[in-house]
């Protein structure tokens, strides 16, 4: 399991359109919205490798100017490590 948070910068006049589209994405929640077009978004994924897909989906939404990854956490117990010999 893992989570990451992003700051999206949107066109202020497109905030509602972006919010509506984000609502349709699985595992994505908006936690804060500013009148200047900035959104704080959290992505909760069971497969951390799928973050990049979700981040690109958010970045490519109509009205989004940029998407910046701010924080990422992965539960280490769900990741398999291999021993490397030297």
C-alpha atoms as a PDB file:
ATOM      1  CA  UNK A   1       0.000   0.000   0.000  1.00  0.00           C
ATOM      2  CA  UNK A   2       1.143   3.530  -0.634  1.00  0.00           C
ATOM      3  CA  UNK A   3       0.008   7.113  -0.795  1.00  0.00           C
ATOM      4  CA  UNK A   4       1.309  10.239  -2.432  1.00  0.00           C
ATOM      5  CA  UNK A   5       0.215  13.843  -2.444  1.00  0.00           C
ATOM      6  CA  UNK A   6       0.375  16.420  -5.187  1.00  0.00           C
ATOM      7  CA  UNK A   7      -0.259  20.073  -5.728  1.00  0.00           C
ATOM      8  CA  UNK A   8      -2.161  20.750  -8.933  1.00  0.00           C
ATOM      9  CA  UNK A   9      -2.144  24.209 -10.438  1.00  0.00           C
ATOM     10  CA  UNK A  10      -5.232  24.769 -12.576  1.00  0.00           C
ATOM     11  CA  UNK A  11      -6.808  27.589 -14.477  1.00  0.00           C
ATOM     12  CA  UNK A  12      -9.021  29.275 -11.833  1.00  0.00           C
ATOM     13  CA  UNK A  13     -12.026  29.266 -14.163  1.00  0.00           C
ATOM     14  CA  UNK A  14     -11.632  25.487 -14.687  1.00  0.00           C
ATOM     15  CA  UNK A  15     -11.498  24.416 -11.027  1.00  0.00           C
ATOM     16  CA  UNK A  16     -14.986  22.864 -11.000  1.00  0.00           C
ATOM     17  CA  UNK A  17     -14.340  20.960 -14.235  1.00  0.00           C
ATOM     18  CA  UNK A  18     -11.077  19.585 -12.815  1.00  0.00           C
ATOM     19  CA  UNK A  19     -12.766  18.666  -9.517  1.00  0.00           C
ATOM     20  CA  UNK A  20     -15.504  16.788 -11.366  1.00  0.00           C
ATOM     21  CA  UNK A  21     -12.949  14.811 -13.379  1.00  0.00           C
ATOM     22  CA  UNK A  22     -10.816  14.019 -10.332  1.00  0.00           C
ATOM     23  CA  UNK A  23     -13.895  12.681  -8.542  1.00  0.00           C
ATOM     24  CA  UNK A  24     -14.210  10.040 -11.277  1.00  0.00           C
ATOM     25  CA  UNK A  25     -10.661   8.727 -10.697  1.00  0.00           C
ATOM     26  CA  UNK A  26     -10.255   5.733  -8.402  1.00  0.00           C
ATOM     27  CA  UNK A  27      -8.182   6.302  -5.265  1.00  0.00           C
ATOM     28  CA  UNK A  28      -7.862  10.077  -5.743  1.00  0.00           C
ATOM     29  CA  UNK A  29      -9.149  12.647  -3.235  1.00  0.00           C
ATOM     30  CA  UNK A  30      -8.993  16.435  -3.149  1.00  0.00           C
ATOM     31  CA  UNK A  31      -8.118  17.765   0.312  1.00  0.00           C
ATOM     32  CA  UNK A  32      -7.881  21.518  -0.323  1.00  0.00           C
ATOM     33  CA  UNK A  33      -8.794  24.039  -3.005  1.00  0.00           C
ATOM     34  CA  UNK A  34      -7.705  27.662  -3.304  1.00  0.00           C
ATOM     35  CA  UNK A  35      -9.452  30.387  -5.276  1.00  0.00           C
ATOM     36  CA  UNK A  36      -6.251  30.891  -7.257  1.00  0.00           C
ATOM     37  CA  UNK A  37      -6.553  27.440  -8.834  1.00  0.00           C
ATOM     38  CA  UNK A  38      -4.364  25.298  -6.583  1.00  0.00           C
ATOM     39  CA  UNK A  39      -5.532  21.903  -5.337  1.00  0.00           C
ATOM     40  CA  UNK A  40      -3.990  19.517  -2.808  1.00  0.00           C
ATOM     41  CA  UNK A  41      -4.641  15.969  -3.991  1.00  0.00           C
ATOM     42  CA  UNK A  42      -3.953  12.596  -2.356  1.00  0.00           C
ATOM     43  CA  UNK A  43      -3.541   9.370  -4.340  1.00  0.00           C
ATOM     44  CA  UNK A  44      -4.011   6.076  -2.487  1.00  0.00           C
ATOM     45  CA  UNK A  45      -2.887   3.044  -4.483  1.00  0.00           C
ATOM     46  CA  UNK A  46      -2.419  -0.597  -3.608  1.00  0.00           C
ATOM     47  CA  UNK A  47       0.248  -0.822  -6.327  1.00  0.00           C
ATOM     48  CA  UNK A  48       2.791   2.000  -5.869  1.00  0.00           C
ATOM     49  CA  UNK A  49       4.121   1.509  -9.399  1.00  0.00           C
ATOM     50  CA  UNK A  50       0.807   2.851 -10.724  1.00  0.00           C
ATOM     51  CA  UNK A  51       1.428   6.318  -9.227  1.00  0.00           C
ATOM     52  CA  UNK A  52       3.029   7.582 -12.392  1.00  0.00           C
ATOM     53  CA  UNK A  53      -0.043   6.624 -14.434  1.00  0.00           C
ATOM     54  CA  UNK A  54      -2.351   8.468 -12.047  1.00  0.00           C
ATOM     55  CA  UNK A  55      -0.067  11.513 -11.867  1.00  0.00           C
ATOM     56  CA  UNK A  56       0.010  11.694 -15.674  1.00  0.00           C
ATOM     57  CA  UNK A  57      -3.790  11.367 -15.796  1.00  0.00           C
ATOM     58  CA  UNK A  58      -4.069  14.310 -13.406  1.00  0.00           C
ATOM     59  CA  UNK A  59      -1.497  16.351 -15.319  1.00  0.00           C
ATOM     60  CA  UNK A  60      -3.308  15.741 -18.611  1.00  0.00           C
ATOM     61  CA  UNK A  61      -6.759  16.802 -17.361  1.00  0.00           C
ATOM     62  CA  UNK A  62      -8.160  19.752 -19.261  1.00  0.00           C
ATOM     63  CA  UNK A  63      -7.574  22.876 -17.177  1.00  0.00           C
ATOM     64  CA  UNK A  64      -4.555  21.538 -15.259  1.00  0.00           C
ATOM     65  CA  UNK A  65      -1.401  23.588 -15.823  1.00  0.00           C
ATOM     66  CA  UNK A  66       0.982  21.521 -13.669  1.00  0.00           C
ATOM     67  CA  UNK A  67       1.120  18.634 -11.220  1.00  0.00           C
ATOM     68  CA  UNK A  68       3.898  18.507  -8.618  1.00  0.00           C
ATOM     69  CA  UNK A  69       4.596  15.479  -6.429  1.00  0.00           C
ATOM     70  CA  UNK A  70       5.018  16.679  -2.845  1.00  0.00           C
ATOM     71  CA  UNK A  71       5.055  13.492  -0.747  1.00  0.00           C
ATOM     72  CA  UNK A  72       5.201   9.743  -1.254  1.00  0.00           C
ATOM     73  CA  UNK A  73       4.955   6.881   1.251  1.00  0.00           C
ATOM     74  CA  UNK A  74       5.110   3.143   0.610  1.00  0.00           C
ATOM     75  CA  UNK A  75       4.540   0.475   3.232  1.00  0.00           C
ATOM     76  CA  UNK A  76       7.841  -1.393   3.183  1.00  0.00           C
ATOM     77  CA  UNK A  77       6.236  -4.602   4.452  1.00  0.00           C
ATOM     78  CA  UNK A  78       4.417  -4.990   1.134  1.00  0.00           C
ATOM     79  CA  UNK A  79       7.599  -4.764  -0.936  1.00  0.00           C
ATOM     80  CA  UNK A  80       9.703  -7.860  -1.576  1.00  0.00           C
ATOM     81  CA  UNK A  81      13.456  -7.322  -1.312  1.00  0.00           C
ATOM     82  CA  UNK A  82      16.072  -9.545  -2.902  1.00  0.00           C
ATOM     83  CA  UNK A  83      19.457 -10.027  -1.332  1.00  0.00           C
ATOM     84  CA  UNK A  84      22.251  -8.876  -3.578  1.00  0.00           C
ATOM     85  CA  UNK A  85      25.570 -10.664  -3.371  1.00  0.00           C
ATOM     86  CA  UNK A  86      28.820  -8.838  -4.091  1.00  0.00           C
END
